[in-house]
Amino acid sequence: MTRSVAPPPLARAVLPERVDMVVLDLDGTCLDFHQQLHPRVEAAVRQAGERVPVAIATGRMYRSALPWARRLGVRAPLICYQGALVEAMPDPDPGEGLAYGRLISTETLDTAAAQLAIAVAREHGWHRQAYVDDNLLCEEDRAEARLYAHVGAVPIEFVDDLALAVAGGTLKIVIVILDRDEALRCRVAMTDALGARAWVTPSYPQFIEIASPRAGKGPAVRRLAADLGVDLARTVAIGDAPNDVDMLEAVGFGVAVEGALPEVLDPAACTCPPPGEAGVADVLIALGLAGA
């Protein structure tokens, strides 16, 4: 059930008096679709990170999220793959190269569920991809694959049979569909086919993500808060898409990006401007975690 009144904009919101942790989505929240980071957001996140733990919770692969975490000065563990993987930042930071920190938790998608999702995608002619050992796997060289690889800034590894490639496990399956109406049909079809065996959610409208039902940004944020000794009631999260809903529900103060779907606005205490207008910076400044 959704609320009948949309959450207020940031300027009219009743803000928490104390914040002990901030959790940020990346795409559509900190970054726009062209992978641009507003300088005000970068500066504000860095300042906030000097005051409280700042964490990133993203659908991205670890190798794709790591460069942005470094640029934002984030030191808290990275929540990746829709919460299916939580991994510490590399310590010590070796510089710009790819490095891995301590693995904190994983939630693998059941092999049979992953293979069923692949079969449904094949039946409809939808582009499908999987992830093994933090590598992006595709079985066809399509525009959809190249779009995703461009957004994530990751290489593609092509395999002959994606279903065989995930036999040893995968953190998620993603279906990439450029037509939004068809992507909506895909979300319904995957939900109907997989039921309780998987969590199906869009990140971008074009990306239908399929992960373990035990995954999710919300559960990962809860575990991270417990590990850090942080009170969830004093945690702020900012997100823009359906894959952020459980995260906004988990914290004491959730912020949705303006223009988000009603299902995202429903658990939010207020809204903020989109990435191109540095909405995340506005929130952190309003909370007293960064300077104007």
C-alpha atoms as a PDB file:
ATOM      1  CA  MET A   1       0.000   0.000   0.000  1.00  0.00           C
ATOM      2  CA  THR A   2       1.378   3.413  -0.971  1.00  0.00           C
ATOM      3  CA  ARG A   3       0.869   6.662   0.853  1.00  0.00           C
ATOM      4  CA  SER A   4      -1.606   9.155  -0.565  1.00  0.00           C
ATOM      5  CA  VAL A   5       0.709  12.147  -0.084  1.00  0.00           C
ATOM      6  CA  ALA A   6       4.188  12.346  -1.617  1.00  0.00           C
ATOM      7  CA  PRO A   7       7.089  13.035   0.751  1.00  0.00           C
ATOM      8  CA  PRO A   8       8.068  16.702   1.065  1.00  0.00           C
ATOM      9  CA  PRO A   9      11.110  18.188  -0.627  1.00  0.00           C
ATOM     10  CA  LEU A  10      14.258  18.532   1.452  1.00  0.00           C
ATOM     11  CA  ALA A  11      13.614  22.213   2.200  1.00  0.00           C
ATOM     12  CA  ARG A  12      10.334  21.364   3.985  1.00  0.00           C
ATOM     13  CA  ALA A  13      11.380  18.140   5.696  1.00  0.00           C
ATOM     14  CA  VAL A  14      11.789  17.643   9.427  1.00  0.00           C
ATOM     15  CA  LEU A  15      15.422  16.536   9.586  1.00  0.00           C
ATOM     16  CA  PRO A  16      16.938  14.200  12.162  1.00  0.00           C
ATOM     17  CA  GLU A  17      18.820  15.917  14.968  1.00  0.00           C
ATOM     18  CA  ARG A  18      21.612  13.353  14.911  1.00  0.00           C
ATOM     19  CA  VAL A  19      23.098  11.214  12.125  1.00  0.00           C
ATOM     20  CA  ASP A  20      25.513   8.376  12.864  1.00  0.00           C
ATOM     21  CA  MET A  21      25.854   6.860   9.355  1.00  0.00           C
ATOM     22  CA  VAL A  22      25.022   7.703   5.748  1.00  0.00           C
ATOM     23  CA  VAL A  23      24.376   5.132   2.997  1.00  0.00           C
ATOM     24  CA  LEU A  24      24.390   6.216  -0.638  1.00  0.00           C
ATOM     25  CA  ASP A  25      23.254   4.569  -3.827  1.00  0.00           C
ATOM     26  CA  LEU A  26      25.510   5.373  -6.782  1.00  0.00           C
ATOM     27  CA  ASP A  27      23.668   5.344 -10.116  1.00  0.00           C
ATOM     28  CA  GLY A  28      20.815   7.800 -10.367  1.00  0.00           C
ATOM     29  CA  THR A  29      21.655   9.182  -6.925  1.00  0.00           C
ATOM     30  CA  CYS A  30      25.310  10.243  -6.860  1.00  0.00           C
ATOM     31  CA  LEU A  31      25.935   9.647 -10.575  1.00  0.00           C
ATOM     32  CA  ASP A  32      23.804  10.518 -13.578  1.00  0.00           C
ATOM     33  CA  PHE A  33      23.249   8.095 -16.465  1.00  0.00           C
ATOM     34  CA  HIS A  34      26.291   9.547 -18.251  1.00  0.00           C
ATOM     35  CA  GLN A  35      28.496   8.588 -15.293  1.00  0.00           C
ATOM     36  CA  GLN A  36      29.101  12.163 -14.232  1.00  0.00           C
ATOM     37  CA  LEU A  37      29.708  13.090 -10.598  1.00  0.00           C
ATOM     38  CA  HIS A  38      28.843  16.640  -9.594  1.00  0.00           C
ATOM     39  CA  PRO A  39      31.820  18.337  -7.886  1.00  0.00           C
ATOM     40  CA  ARG A  40      29.571  19.443  -5.012  1.00  0.00           C
ATOM     41  CA  VAL A  41      28.555  15.833  -4.370  1.00  0.00           C
ATOM     42  CA  GLU A  42      32.176  14.672  -4.349  1.00  0.00           C
ATOM     43  CA  ALA A  43      33.181  17.405  -1.916  1.00  0.00           C
ATOM     44  CA  ALA A  44      30.187  16.908   0.376  1.00  0.00           C
ATOM     45  CA  VAL A  45      30.577  13.125   0.587  1.00  0.00           C
ATOM     46  CA  ARG A  46      34.251  13.509   1.436  1.00  0.00           C
ATOM     47  CA  GLN A  47      33.417  16.001   4.182  1.00  0.00           C
ATOM     48  CA  ALA A  48      30.643  13.813   5.579  1.00  0.00           C
ATOM     49  CA  GLY A  49      33.012  10.852   5.666  1.00  0.00           C
ATOM     50  CA  GLU A  50      35.250  12.756   8.075  1.00  0.00           C
ATOM     51  CA  ARG A  51      32.341  13.010  10.526  1.00  0.00           C
ATOM     52  CA  VAL A  52      30.416   9.713  10.246  1.00  0.00           C
ATOM     53  CA  PRO A  53      30.770   6.424   8.366  1.00  0.00           C
ATOM     54  CA  VAL A  54      29.622   6.818   4.766  1.00  0.00           C
ATOM     55  CA  ALA A  55      28.826   3.617   2.890  1.00  0.00           C
ATOM     56  CA  ILE A  56      27.945   2.896  -0.738  1.00  0.00           C
ATOM     57  CA  ALA A  57      25.157   0.436  -1.504  1.00  0.00           C
ATOM     58  CA  THR A  58      24.957  -0.360  -5.200  1.00  0.00           C
ATOM     59  CA  GLY A  59      23.942  -2.976  -7.695  1.00  0.00           C
ATOM     60  CA  ARG A  60      27.341  -2.629  -9.323  1.00  0.00           C
ATOM     61  CA  MET A  61      30.099  -5.193  -9.270  1.00  0.00           C
ATOM     62  CA  TYR A  62      32.807  -4.579  -6.692  1.00  0.00           C
ATOM     63  CA  ARG A  63      35.357  -3.750  -9.413  1.00  0.00           C
ATOM     64  CA  SER A  64      32.915  -1.224 -10.872  1.00  0.00           C
ATOM     65  CA  ALA A  65      32.034   0.432  -7.544  1.00  0.00           C
ATOM     66  CA  LEU A  66      35.595   0.611  -6.197  1.00  0.00           C
ATOM     67  CA  PRO A  67      36.851   3.538  -8.350  1.00  0.00           C
ATOM     68  CA  TRP A  68      33.854   5.663  -7.312  1.00  0.00           C
ATOM     69  CA  ALA A  69      34.282   4.737  -3.662  1.00  0.00           C
ATOM     70  CA  ARG A  70      37.903   5.882  -3.839  1.00  0.00           C
ATOM     71  CA  ARG A  71      36.968   9.111  -5.583  1.00  0.00           C
ATOM     72  CA  LEU A  72      34.354   9.825  -2.911  1.00  0.00           C
ATOM     73  CA  GLY A  73      36.786   9.041  -0.116  1.00  0.00           C
ATOM     74  CA  VAL A  74      34.602   6.217   1.211  1.00  0.00           C
ATOM     75  CA  ARG A  75      36.280   3.989   3.792  1.00  0.00           C
ATOM     76  CA  ALA A  76      33.340   1.864   4.954  1.00  0.00           C
ATOM     77  CA  PRO A  77      32.826  -1.586   3.384  1.00  0.00           C
ATOM     78  CA  LEU A  78      31.261  -1.646  -0.071  1.00  0.00           C
ATOM     79  CA  ILE A  79      27.766  -3.096  -0.473  1.00  0.00           C
ATOM     80  CA  CYS A  80      27.657  -4.428  -4.048  1.00  0.00           C
ATOM     81  CA  TYR A  81      25.562  -6.680  -6.298  1.00  0.00           C
ATOM     82  CA  GLN A  82      22.309  -5.461  -4.661  1.00  0.00           C
ATOM     83  CA  GLY A  83      23.629  -6.398  -1.245  1.00  0.00           C
ATOM     84  CA  ALA A  84      24.671  -9.907  -2.302  1.00  0.00           C
ATOM     85  CA  LEU A  85      28.291  -9.016  -1.573  1.00  0.00           C
ATOM     86  CA  VAL A  86      29.811  -6.861   1.163  1.00  0.00           C
ATOM     87  CA  GLU A  87      33.552  -6.373   0.987  1.00  0.00           C
ATOM     88  CA  ALA A  88      35.952  -4.114   2.848  1.00  0.00           C
ATOM     89  CA  MET A  89      37.859  -1.429   1.016  1.00  0.00           C
ATOM     90  CA  PRO A  90      41.428  -2.486   0.198  1.00  0.00           C
ATOM     91  CA  ASP A  91      43.806  -1.685   3.025  1.00  0.00           C
ATOM     92  CA  PRO A  92      46.237  -0.209   2.460  1.00  0.00           C
ATOM     93  CA  ASP A  93      44.878   1.487  -0.644  1.00  0.00           C
ATOM     94  CA  PRO A  94      47.323   0.552  -3.445  1.00  0.00           C
ATOM     95  CA  GLY A  95      46.302   3.447  -5.666  1.00  0.00           C
ATOM     96  CA  GLU A  96      44.160   3.350  -8.770  1.00  0.00           C
ATOM     97  CA  GLY A  97      44.509  -0.343  -9.631  1.00  0.00           C
ATOM     98  CA  LEU A  98      41.955  -3.054  -8.901  1.00  0.00           C
ATOM     99  CA  ALA A  99      42.404  -4.582  -5.466  1.00  0.00           C
ATOM    100  CA  TYR A 100      40.157  -6.533  -3.135  1.00  0.00           C
ATOM    101  CA  GLY A 101      39.569  -6.118   0.552  1.00  0.00           C
ATOM    102  CA  ARG A 102      38.383  -8.586   3.157  1.00  0.00           C
ATOM    103  CA  LEU A 103      35.229 -10.455   2.149  1.00  0.00           C
ATOM    104  CA  ILE A 104      32.532  -9.780   4.739  1.00  0.00           C
ATOM    105  CA  SER A 105      29.458 -11.557   3.372  1.00  0.00           C
ATOM    106  CA  THR A 106      27.947 -13.081   0.239  1.00  0.00           C
ATOM    107  CA  GLU A 107      24.477 -14.288  -0.733  1.00  0.00           C
ATOM    108  CA  THR A 108      24.656 -16.426  -3.868  1.00  0.00           C
ATOM    109  CA  LEU A 109      21.683 -16.864  -6.190  1.00  0.00           C
ATOM    110  CA  ASP A 110      20.606 -20.506  -6.263  1.00  0.00           C
ATOM    111  CA  THR A 111      22.008 -22.196  -9.372  1.00  0.00           C
ATOM    112  CA  ALA A 112      18.643 -23.618 -10.454  1.00  0.00           C
ATOM    113  CA  ALA A 113      17.006 -20.195 -10.092  1.00  0.00           C
ATOM    114  CA  ALA A 114      19.820 -18.548 -12.074  1.00  0.00           C
ATOM    115  CA  GLN A 115      19.506 -21.113 -14.859  1.00  0.00           C
ATOM    116  CA  LEU A 116      15.723 -20.701 -14.931  1.00  0.00           C
ATOM    117  CA  ALA A 117      16.114 -16.928 -15.288  1.00  0.00           C
ATOM    118  CA  ILE A 118      18.518 -17.493 -18.174  1.00  0.00           C
ATOM    119  CA  ALA A 119      16.060 -19.902 -19.821  1.00  0.00           C
ATOM    120  CA  VAL A 120      13.178 -17.416 -19.536  1.00  0.00           C
ATOM    121  CA  ALA A 121      15.359 -14.672 -21.014  1.00  0.00           C
ATOM    122  CA  ARG A 122      16.396 -16.892 -23.911  1.00  0.00           C
ATOM    123  CA  GLU A 123      12.753 -17.777 -24.594  1.00  0.00           C
ATOM    124  CA  HIS A 124      11.880 -14.081 -24.944  1.00  0.00           C
ATOM    125  CA  GLY A 125      15.073 -13.103 -26.761  1.00  0.00           C
ATOM    126  CA  TRP A 126      16.194 -10.822 -23.923  1.00  0.00           C
ATOM    127  CA  HIS A 127      19.842 -10.075 -23.321  1.00  0.00           C
ATOM    128  CA  ARG A 128      21.108 -11.834 -20.190  1.00  0.00           C
ATOM    129  CA  GLN A 129      24.353 -11.723 -18.261  1.00  0.00           C
ATOM    130  CA  ALA A 130      25.880 -13.165 -15.112  1.00  0.00           C
ATOM    131  CA  TYR A 131      28.794 -12.557 -12.755  1.00  0.00           C
ATOM    132  CA  VAL A 132      31.472 -15.003 -11.650  1.00  0.00           C
ATOM    133  CA  ASP A 133      34.568 -14.020  -9.667  1.00  0.00           C
ATOM    134  CA  ASP A 134      33.686 -10.334 -10.207  1.00  0.00           C
ATOM    135  CA  ASN A 135      33.719 -10.800 -13.997  1.00  0.00           C
ATOM    136  CA  LEU A 136      30.866  -9.853 -16.341  1.00  0.00           C
ATOM    137  CA  LEU A 137      29.801 -12.856 -18.442  1.00  0.00           C
ATOM    138  CA  CYS A 138      27.682 -12.663 -21.610  1.00  0.00           C
ATOM    139  CA  GLU A 139      26.929 -15.220 -24.294  1.00  0.00           C
ATOM    140  CA  GLU A 140      26.053 -12.764 -27.070  1.00  0.00           C
ATOM    141  CA  ASP A 141      27.741  -9.589 -28.298  1.00  0.00           C
ATOM    142  CA  ARG A 142      24.777  -7.232 -28.293  1.00  0.00           C
ATOM    143  CA  ALA A 143      24.166  -3.505 -27.889  1.00  0.00           C
ATOM    144  CA  GLU A 144      22.634  -4.210 -24.484  1.00  0.00           C
ATOM    145  CA  ALA A 145      25.847  -5.835 -23.272  1.00  0.00           C
ATOM    146  CA  ARG A 146      27.949  -2.949 -24.514  1.00  0.00           C
ATOM    147  CA  LEU A 147      25.634  -0.417 -22.823  1.00  0.00           C
ATOM    148  CA  TYR A 148      25.962  -2.182 -19.478  1.00  0.00           C
ATOM    149  CA  ALA A 149      29.727  -2.545 -19.840  1.00  0.00           C
ATOM    150  CA  HIS A 150      29.982   1.163 -20.654  1.00  0.00           C
ATOM    151  CA  VAL A 151      27.917   2.203 -17.627  1.00  0.00           C
ATOM    152  CA  GLY A 152      29.873  -0.090 -15.326  1.00  0.00           C
ATOM    153  CA  ALA A 153      33.245   0.610 -16.992  1.00  0.00           C
ATOM    154  CA  VAL A 154      34.003  -3.118 -17.007  1.00  0.00           C
ATOM    155  CA  PRO A 155      35.160  -5.559 -19.704  1.00  0.00           C
ATOM    156  CA  ILE A 156      32.923  -8.320 -21.047  1.00  0.00           C
ATOM    157  CA  GLU A 157      33.947 -11.968 -20.958  1.00  0.00           C
ATOM    158  CA  PHE A 158      32.038 -13.956 -23.579  1.00  0.00           C
ATOM    159  CA  VAL A 159      31.058 -17.564 -22.886  1.00  0.00           C
ATOM    160  CA  ASP A 160      29.382 -20.178 -25.065  1.00  0.00           C
ATOM    161  CA  ASP A 161      26.679 -21.131 -22.552  1.00  0.00           C
ATOM    162  CA  LEU A 162      25.715 -18.812 -19.708  1.00  0.00           C
ATOM    163  CA  ALA A 163      23.733 -21.539 -17.954  1.00  0.00           C
ATOM    164  CA  LEU A 164      26.847 -23.705 -17.718  1.00  0.00           C
ATOM    165  CA  ALA A 165      28.928 -20.720 -16.628  1.00  0.00           C
ATOM    166  CA  VAL A 166      26.729 -20.176 -13.545  1.00  0.00           C
ATOM    167  CA  ALA A 167      26.693 -23.833 -12.516  1.00  0.00           C
ATOM    168  CA  GLY A 168      29.245 -23.013  -9.826  1.00  0.00           C
ATOM    169  CA  GLY A 169      27.236 -20.057  -8.565  1.00  0.00           C
ATOM    170  CA  THR A 170      26.588 -16.400  -9.388  1.00  0.00           C
ATOM    171  CA  LEU A 171      25.766 -13.347  -7.305  1.00  0.00           C
ATOM    172  CA  LYS A 172      23.078 -12.182  -9.706  1.00  0.00           C
ATOM    173  CA  ILE A 173      21.636 -12.347 -13.213  1.00  0.00           C
ATOM    174  CA  VAL A 174      20.844  -9.132 -15.043  1.00  0.00           C
ATOM    175  CA  ILE A 175      18.511  -8.792 -18.019  1.00  0.00           C
ATOM    176  CA  VAL A 176      19.216  -5.659 -20.068  1.00  0.00           C
ATOM    177  CA  ILE A 177      16.327  -4.392 -22.209  1.00  0.00           C
ATOM    178  CA  LEU A 178      16.474  -1.030 -23.942  1.00  0.00           C
ATOM    179  CA  ASP A 179      12.704  -0.685 -24.416  1.00  0.00           C
ATOM    180  CA  ARG A 180      11.155   0.351 -21.081  1.00  0.00           C
ATOM    181  CA  ASP A 181       7.776  -1.251 -21.705  1.00  0.00           C
ATOM    182  CA  GLU A 182       9.466  -4.532 -22.548  1.00  0.00           C
ATOM    183  CA  ALA A 183      11.611  -4.191 -19.408  1.00  0.00           C
ATOM    184  CA  LEU A 184       8.419  -3.897 -17.352  1.00  0.00           C
ATOM    185  CA  ARG A 185       7.120  -7.084 -18.971  1.00  0.00           C
ATOM    186  CA  CYS A 186      10.401  -8.761 -18.152  1.00  0.00           C
ATOM    187  CA  ARG A 187      10.126  -7.798 -14.482  1.00  0.00           C
ATOM    188  CA  VAL A 188       6.659  -9.353 -14.317  1.00  0.00           C
ATOM    189  CA  ALA A 189       7.692 -12.491 -16.215  1.00  0.00           C
ATOM    190  CA  MET A 190      10.762 -13.073 -14.043  1.00  0.00           C
ATOM    191  CA  THR A 191       8.803 -12.490 -10.844  1.00  0.00           C
ATOM    192  CA  ASP A 192       6.118 -14.943 -11.975  1.00  0.00           C
ATOM    193  CA  ALA A 193       8.653 -17.574 -13.039  1.00  0.00           C
ATOM    194  CA  LEU A 194      10.957 -17.363 -10.030  1.00  0.00           C
ATOM    195  CA  GLY A 195       8.548 -16.530  -7.213  1.00  0.00           C
ATOM    196  CA  ALA A 196      10.169 -16.737  -3.789  1.00  0.00           C
ATOM    197  CA  ARG A 197      13.334 -18.299  -5.226  1.00  0.00           C
ATOM    198  CA  ALA A 198      14.773 -14.919  -6.239  1.00  0.00           C
ATOM    199  CA  TRP A 199      14.540 -11.180  -5.683  1.00  0.00           C
ATOM    200  CA  VAL A 200      13.652  -9.369  -8.929  1.00  0.00           C
ATOM    201  CA  THR A 201      14.086  -5.605  -9.081  1.00  0.00           C
ATOM    202  CA  PRO A 202      15.060  -2.847 -11.532  1.00  0.00           C
ATOM    203  CA  SER A 203      18.112  -0.700 -10.872  1.00  0.00           C
ATOM    204  CA  TYR A 204      17.924   1.450 -13.977  1.00  0.00           C
ATOM    205  CA  PRO A 205      14.630   0.958 -15.872  1.00  0.00           C
ATOM    206  CA  GLN A 206      16.622  -0.935 -18.515  1.00  0.00           C
ATOM    207  CA  PHE A 207      18.300  -3.290 -16.022  1.00  0.00           C
ATOM    208  CA  ILE A 208      16.219  -6.061 -14.427  1.00  0.00           C
ATOM    209  CA  GLU A 209      18.296  -7.562 -11.630  1.00  0.00           C
ATOM    210  CA  ILE A 210      17.771 -11.051 -10.221  1.00  0.00           C
ATOM    211  CA  ALA A 211      19.477 -11.950  -6.946  1.00  0.00           C
ATOM    212  CA  SER A 212      19.089 -14.232  -3.963  1.00  0.00           C
ATOM    213  CA  PRO A 213      15.952 -13.541  -1.895  1.00  0.00           C
ATOM    214  CA  ARG A 214      18.345 -13.157   1.050  1.00  0.00           C
ATOM    215  CA  ALA A 215      20.170 -10.325  -0.740  1.00  0.00           C
ATOM    216  CA  GLY A 216      19.023  -6.715  -0.870  1.00  0.00           C
ATOM    217  CA  LYS A 217      20.526  -3.436   0.205  1.00  0.00           C
ATOM    218  CA  GLY A 218      18.301  -3.320   3.287  1.00  0.00           C
ATOM    219  CA  PRO A 219      19.587  -6.532   4.881  1.00  0.00           C
ATOM    220  CA  ALA A 220      23.163  -5.580   3.981  1.00  0.00           C
ATOM    221  CA  VAL A 221      22.768  -2.136   5.586  1.00  0.00           C
ATOM    222  CA  ARG A 222      21.361  -3.756   8.728  1.00  0.00           C
ATOM    223  CA  ARG A 223      24.356  -6.086   8.981  1.00  0.00           C
ATOM    224  CA  LEU A 224      26.797  -3.253   8.324  1.00  0.00           C
ATOM    225  CA  ALA A 225      25.211  -1.067  10.995  1.00  0.00           C
ATOM    226  CA  ALA A 226      25.466  -3.931  13.494  1.00  0.00           C
ATOM    227  CA  ASP A 227      29.123  -4.516  12.586  1.00  0.00           C
ATOM    228  CA  LEU A 228      29.924  -0.817  13.013  1.00  0.00           C
ATOM    229  CA  GLY A 229      27.843  -0.439  16.176  1.00  0.00           C
ATOM    230  CA  VAL A 230      25.616   2.152  14.507  1.00  0.00           C
ATOM    231  CA  ASP A 231      21.965   2.747  15.383  1.00  0.00           C
ATOM    232  CA  LEU A 232      19.818   2.304  12.259  1.00  0.00           C
ATOM    233  CA  ALA A 233      17.402   4.882  13.658  1.00  0.00           C
ATOM    234  CA  ARG A 234      20.207   7.425  13.269  1.00  0.00           C
ATOM    235  CA  THR A 235      21.151   6.311   9.770  1.00  0.00           C
ATOM    236  CA  VAL A 236      20.305   8.235   6.587  1.00  0.00           C
ATOM    237  CA  ALA A 237      20.026   6.541   3.180  1.00  0.00           C
ATOM    238  CA  ILE A 238      19.552   8.128  -0.237  1.00  0.00           C
ATOM    239  CA  GLY A 239      18.343   6.249  -3.327  1.00  0.00           C
ATOM    240  CA  ASP A 240      16.336   6.559  -6.513  1.00  0.00           C
ATOM    241  CA  ALA A 241      15.180   3.156  -7.748  1.00  0.00           C
ATOM    242  CA  PRO A 242      13.117   0.123  -6.686  1.00  0.00           C
ATOM    243  CA  ASN A 243      16.312  -1.687  -5.653  1.00  0.00           C
ATOM    244  CA  ASP A 244      16.709   1.023  -2.978  1.00  0.00           C
ATOM    245  CA  VAL A 245      13.290   0.533  -1.365  1.00  0.00           C
ATOM    246  CA  ASP A 246      14.333  -1.967   1.303  1.00  0.00           C
ATOM    247  CA  MET A 247      17.302   0.245   2.169  1.00  0.00           C
ATOM    248  CA  LEU A 248      15.075   3.304   2.634  1.00  0.00           C
ATOM    249  CA  GLU A 249      12.756   1.188   4.781  1.00  0.00           C
ATOM    250  CA  ALA A 250      15.629  -0.081   6.943  1.00  0.00           C
ATOM    251  CA  VAL A 251      16.952   3.281   8.106  1.00  0.00           C
ATOM    252  CA  GLY A 252      15.622   6.028  10.320  1.00  0.00           C
ATOM    253  CA  PHE A 253      15.591   8.666   7.575  1.00  0.00           C
ATOM    254  CA  GLY A 254      15.257   7.737   3.912  1.00  0.00           C
ATOM    255  CA  VAL A 255      15.615  10.208   1.050  1.00  0.00           C
ATOM    256  CA  ALA A 256      14.346   9.510  -2.477  1.00  0.00           C
ATOM    257  CA  VAL A 257      15.560  11.350  -5.549  1.00  0.00           C
ATOM    258  CA  GLU A 258      12.924  13.569  -7.137  1.00  0.00           C
ATOM    259  CA  GLY A 259      11.057  11.836  -9.955  1.00  0.00           C
ATOM    260  CA  ALA A 260      11.428   8.366  -8.452  1.00  0.00           C
ATOM    261  CA  LEU A 261       8.635   5.830  -8.853  1.00  0.00           C
ATOM    262  CA  PRO A 262       5.846   5.833  -6.246  1.00  0.00           C
ATOM    263  CA  GLU A 263       7.172   2.584  -4.739  1.00  0.00           C
ATOM    264  CA  VAL A 264      10.457   4.401  -4.013  1.00  0.00           C
ATOM    265  CA  LEU A 265       8.825   7.576  -2.725  1.00  0.00           C
ATOM    266  CA  ASP A 266       6.579   5.651  -0.338  1.00  0.00           C
ATOM    267  CA  PRO A 267       9.182   4.821   2.353  1.00  0.00           C
ATOM    268  CA  ALA A 268      11.032   8.140   1.987  1.00  0.00           C
ATOM    269  CA  ALA A 269      10.893  10.945   4.542  1.00  0.00           C
ATOM    270  CA  CYS A 270      11.689  13.534   1.868  1.00  0.00           C
ATOM    271  CA  THR A 271      13.036  14.011  -1.644  1.00  0.00           C
ATOM    272  CA  CYS A 272      16.176  15.636  -3.008  1.00  0.00           C
ATOM    273  CA  PRO A 273      17.206  16.922  -6.453  1.00  0.00           C
ATOM    274  CA  PRO A 274      18.746  14.535  -9.020  1.00  0.00           C
ATOM    275  CA  PRO A 275      22.494  13.954  -9.487  1.00  0.00           C
ATOM    276  CA  GLY A 276      22.917  16.720 -12.049  1.00  0.00           C
ATOM    277  CA  GLU A 277      21.699  19.208  -9.450  1.00  0.00           C
ATOM    278  CA  ALA A 278      23.852  17.759  -6.646  1.00  0.00           C
ATOM    279  CA  GLY A 279      20.928  16.593  -4.519  1.00  0.00           C
ATOM    280  CA  VAL A 280      23.123  14.370  -2.348  1.00  0.00           C
ATOM    281  CA  ALA A 281      25.256  17.398  -1.468  1.00  0.00           C
ATOM    282  CA  ASP A 282      22.128  19.347  -0.524  1.00  0.00           C
ATOM    283  CA  VAL A 283      21.092  16.573   1.870  1.00  0.00           C
ATOM    284  CA  LEU A 284      24.495  16.300   3.529  1.00  0.00           C
ATOM    285  CA  ILE A 285      24.733  20.079   3.930  1.00  0.00           C
ATOM    286  CA  ALA A 286      21.218  20.271   5.395  1.00  0.00           C
ATOM    287  CA  LEU A 287      22.150  17.560   7.906  1.00  0.00           C
ATOM    288  CA  GLY A 288      25.214  19.519   8.992  1.00  0.00           C
ATOM    289  CA  LEU A 289      27.610  16.868   7.683  1.00  0.00           C
ATOM    290  CA  ALA A 290      29.149  19.089   5.001  1.00  0.00           C
ATOM    291  CA  GLY A 291      29.693  22.775   4.351  1.00  0.00           C
ATOM    292  CA  ALA A 292      27.927  24.758   1.666  1.00  0.00           C
END
